[in-house]
Amino acid sequence: MTTSEKAPVTVHLMRHGEVHNPQRIVYGRLPGYHLSEAGQKMVRLSAEEFKRRADAGANIVHLVCSPLTRTQESAAPIEELLGLTAVHDERVIEAANYFEGLHVTKDELLKHPAHWPHLLNPLRPSWGEPYRQQMTRMAEAIKDAARTAYEKGGAGAEAIIVSHQLPIWMARTSVEGGLLPHDPRKRQTNLASITSLHFDDIFSPGTPRLTYTEPAAELYSGVIQLPGS
């Protein structure tokens, strides 16, 4: 590449589909939580959207996913339709959460004083992995995925990272310069959604342009979403 050439790359951050979780557990990084039937349909729709883009000329050459069950299952239809093999990356895993394994209710919090110290600082937050730490690891993973896509496909290449709600939101917050403390109910990272970061040149400083789509929106009615999921 000469100094006058740019290296535009797009990295898509896709959230996994709905998980079967009738007990409403904060499952976080726990193993064995599989996609529900609706979740499988959701990620299929997102995979079909990527296939449609590829058929229209998008050069999607690299696929990354969190090593957790739900993200591997969400990456599977992309592997099938695009002929890619997902690379596992611990840096895009779900955020660590003190309440992992619990059904968190007001009664649960009030009856167990051991929980209280973990609620004192929502700015960090005190109940889990620091927001800034999530931003840092996601930024590193995104940059590496972008570079790998460029190495494989050249200018205009695209990568997909299948990750989780909060890490994706932290990556978006970093790009948009938003506040780290936030209301989880206001995160725009719906199930099987695609948050796309469009870099003009991955070898030069600059903020990527961001777009957001929800290929599975038709399946959202009645779906329950929890923090840490």
Foldseek 3Di string as FASTA:
>chain_A
DDPVDFAKEKEKEWEAFAWPDVVQFLAFQPADTEHDPLRLVQLLLLLVVVLVVVVVPQAEDAEEEAPHRRGVSSCVNNCVSVVYDYHHDNLQEGWFFQRRGHNDDPCVPVVDVVCVVQCPDLQLRSGTHGLVSLLVSLVVVRLVQRVVQCVVPNHRGYYYYYHHQSSVQSVVCVLVVHRSRDDSVPRPRDHRKIWMFIDRHSVDDDRTDIDIDRSSVVSPPPDDDDPSD
